[in-house]
């Protein structure tokens, strides 16, 4: 009975994934490396935390995101996704640092078949210093399917 409940729950909620990403921030004119994790809440909705580490000279810039990612369409199988959530940016240069909260709005396309799923995403970060960035990468499905 527990095996049946576990397999039904897994089928209803989709699949956990993790992957690397590379981003370009158009306003800061900087490149970032990072990663994301997808934790399914339903077949069409994931909790989607991510981290971007920007490669800046003479300091550091980090972006931490806690988002919800929604795939419209039947059973969450659409390659299109939309989402939003919270952003926390931390910039440090020459012993001075600034942490700024913000909101995210994003959309993208992701392969939805197989265990390797490439994606591309455009994200607007709305804060005192609002910005836009483009990201791309690969998600790897965990647990097979």
Protein backbone atom coordinates (compact mmCIF):
# COMPACT_ATOMS: atom_id res chain seq x y z
CA UNK A 1 0.00 0.00 0.00
CA UNK A 2 2.84 2.46 0.84
CA UNK A 3 4.51 1.71 -2.51
CA UNK A 4 1.26 2.51 -4.32
CA UNK A 5 0.79 5.79 -2.43
CA UNK A 6 4.42 6.76 -3.13
CA UNK A 7 4.15 6.09 -6.86
CA UNK A 8 0.83 7.97 -7.13
CA UNK A 9 2.30 10.96 -5.27
CA UNK A 10 5.39 10.95 -7.53
CA UNK A 11 3.20 10.80 -10.66
CA UNK A 12 1.09 13.72 -9.43
CA UNK A 13 3.96 15.99 -8.51
CA UNK A 14 6.44 15.58 -11.38
CA UNK A 15 10.16 15.24 -10.91
CA UNK A 16 12.94 16.90 -8.92
CA UNK A 17 15.79 18.39 -10.98
CA UNK A 18 19.06 20.24 -10.49
CA UNK A 19 21.42 21.92 -12.92
CA UNK A 20 24.08 24.49 -13.78
CA UNK A 21 23.40 27.80 -15.48
CA UNK A 22 25.26 30.69 -17.05
CA UNK A 23 23.73 34.16 -17.08
CA UNK A 24 24.37 37.57 -18.53
CA UNK A 25 23.06 40.64 -16.72
CA UNK A 26 22.36 43.42 -19.25
CA UNK A 27 22.42 46.29 -16.73
CA UNK A 28 25.54 45.25 -14.79
CA UNK A 29 27.12 43.95 -18.03
CA UNK A 30 28.45 40.96 -16.10
CA UNK A 31 28.46 37.18 -16.56
CA UNK A 32 27.39 34.82 -13.78
CA UNK A 33 27.66 31.11 -13.12
CA UNK A 34 25.22 29.36 -10.87
CA UNK A 35 22.64 26.68 -10.49
CA UNK A 36 19.05 25.92 -9.69
CA UNK A 37 16.93 23.27 -8.06
CA UNK A 38 13.37 22.34 -8.98
CA UNK A 39 11.19 20.81 -6.28
CA UNK A 40 7.75 19.88 -7.67
CA UNK A 41 4.71 21.00 -5.71
CA UNK A 42 2.28 19.82 -8.43
CA UNK A 43 2.80 18.63 -12.01
CA UNK A 44 2.66 22.25 -13.19
CA UNK A 45 4.20 24.16 -10.23
CA UNK A 46 7.72 23.93 -8.78
CA UNK A 47 9.56 25.62 -5.94
CA UNK A 48 12.57 26.97 -7.86
CA UNK A 49 15.48 28.32 -5.80
CA UNK A 50 18.60 29.47 -7.65
CA UNK A 51 21.95 31.15 -7.07
CA UNK A 52 23.98 33.35 -9.43
CA UNK A 53 27.63 34.20 -8.73
CA UNK A 54 28.75 37.09 -10.92
CA UNK A 55 32.34 37.22 -12.10
CA UNK A 56 33.16 40.84 -11.23
CA UNK A 57 36.58 42.48 -10.85
CA UNK A 58 37.55 43.73 -7.41
CA UNK A 59 34.57 42.39 -5.52
CA UNK A 60 31.62 40.07 -5.58
CA UNK A 61 27.99 40.07 -6.62
CA UNK A 62 25.61 37.29 -5.61
CA UNK A 63 21.97 36.80 -6.51
CA UNK A 64 19.84 34.40 -4.47
CA UNK A 65 16.32 33.65 -5.72
CA UNK A 66 13.36 31.87 -4.16
CA UNK A 67 10.73 31.47 -6.86
CA UNK A 68 7.68 29.55 -7.99
CA UNK A 69 7.83 28.23 -11.56
CA UNK A 70 4.55 27.50 -13.40
CA UNK A 71 4.15 25.52 -16.63
CA UNK A 72 0.81 26.27 -18.32
CA UNK A 73 -1.07 23.65 -20.31
CA UNK A 74 -2.24 20.13 -19.73
CA UNK A 75 -0.37 18.15 -17.05
CA UNK A 76 2.50 20.69 -16.91
CA UNK A 77 4.12 19.32 -20.08
CA UNK A 78 4.45 22.66 -21.90
CA UNK A 79 8.04 23.76 -22.69
CA UNK A 80 6.98 27.32 -21.75
CA UNK A 81 7.22 28.40 -18.13
CA UNK A 82 6.51 31.57 -16.18
CA UNK A 83 7.22 32.51 -12.62
CA UNK A 84 8.05 34.93 -9.92
CA UNK A 85 9.33 35.24 -6.41
CA UNK A 86 11.88 36.92 -4.19
CA UNK A 87 15.45 38.00 -4.93
CA UNK A 88 18.26 38.94 -2.59
CA UNK A 89 21.30 40.61 -4.20
CA UNK A 90 24.55 41.17 -2.31
CA UNK A 91 27.34 43.31 -3.75
CA UNK A 92 30.74 43.71 -2.07
CA UNK A 93 33.49 45.99 -3.37
CA UNK A 94 36.55 47.20 -1.45
CA UNK A 95 35.29 46.27 2.05
CA UNK A 96 31.88 47.86 1.38
CA UNK A 97 28.82 45.72 0.92
CA UNK A 98 25.17 46.23 0.15
CA UNK A 99 22.31 43.73 0.36
CA UNK A 100 19.15 44.54 -1.55
CA UNK A 101 15.84 42.65 -1.64
CA UNK A 102 13.74 42.55 -4.78
CA UNK A 103 11.08 40.71 -6.75
CA UNK A 104 11.57 38.39 -9.74
CA UNK A 105 9.42 37.97 -12.83
CA UNK A 106 10.65 35.47 -15.41
CA UNK A 107 9.74 33.31 -18.35
CA UNK A 108 11.52 30.68 -20.36
CA UNK A 109 11.55 27.52 -22.41
CA UNK A 110 12.69 24.12 -21.13
CA UNK A 111 12.87 20.68 -22.73
CA UNK A 112 10.33 18.47 -20.98
CA UNK A 113 11.33 14.97 -22.07
CA UNK A 114 14.19 12.76 -20.97
CA UNK A 115 16.48 13.23 -18.01
CA UNK A 116 18.58 16.06 -19.56
CA UNK A 117 16.54 19.24 -20.10
CA UNK A 118 18.15 22.34 -21.64
CA UNK A 119 16.54 25.71 -20.87
CA UNK A 120 16.72 29.41 -21.65
CA UNK A 121 15.20 32.06 -19.36
CA UNK A 122 14.69 35.83 -19.29
CA UNK A 123 14.39 37.34 -15.80
CA UNK A 124 13.50 40.84 -14.58
CA UNK A 125 14.64 41.69 -11.06
CA UNK A 126 12.56 44.53 -9.65
CA UNK A 127 14.37 46.42 -6.88
CA UNK A 128 15.97 49.83 -6.21
CA UNK A 129 18.43 48.86 -8.97
CA UNK A 130 16.10 46.91 -11.28
CA UNK A 131 17.80 44.78 -13.89
CA UNK A 132 17.27 42.16 -16.58
CA UNK A 133 19.28 39.00 -17.19
CA UNK A 134 19.31 36.13 -19.66
CA UNK A 135 20.20 32.62 -18.44
CA UNK A 136 20.70 29.28 -20.08
CA UNK A 137 21.71 25.87 -18.86
CA UNK A 138 20.77 22.26 -18.40
CA UNK A 139 18.57 20.61 -15.79
CA UNK A 140 19.13 16.99 -14.83
CA UNK A 141 16.12 15.04 -13.62
CA UNK A 142 16.75 13.12 -10.42
CA UNK A 143 15.28 9.71 -9.71
CA UNK A 144 14.87 8.55 -13.35
CA UNK A 145 11.70 8.62 -15.41
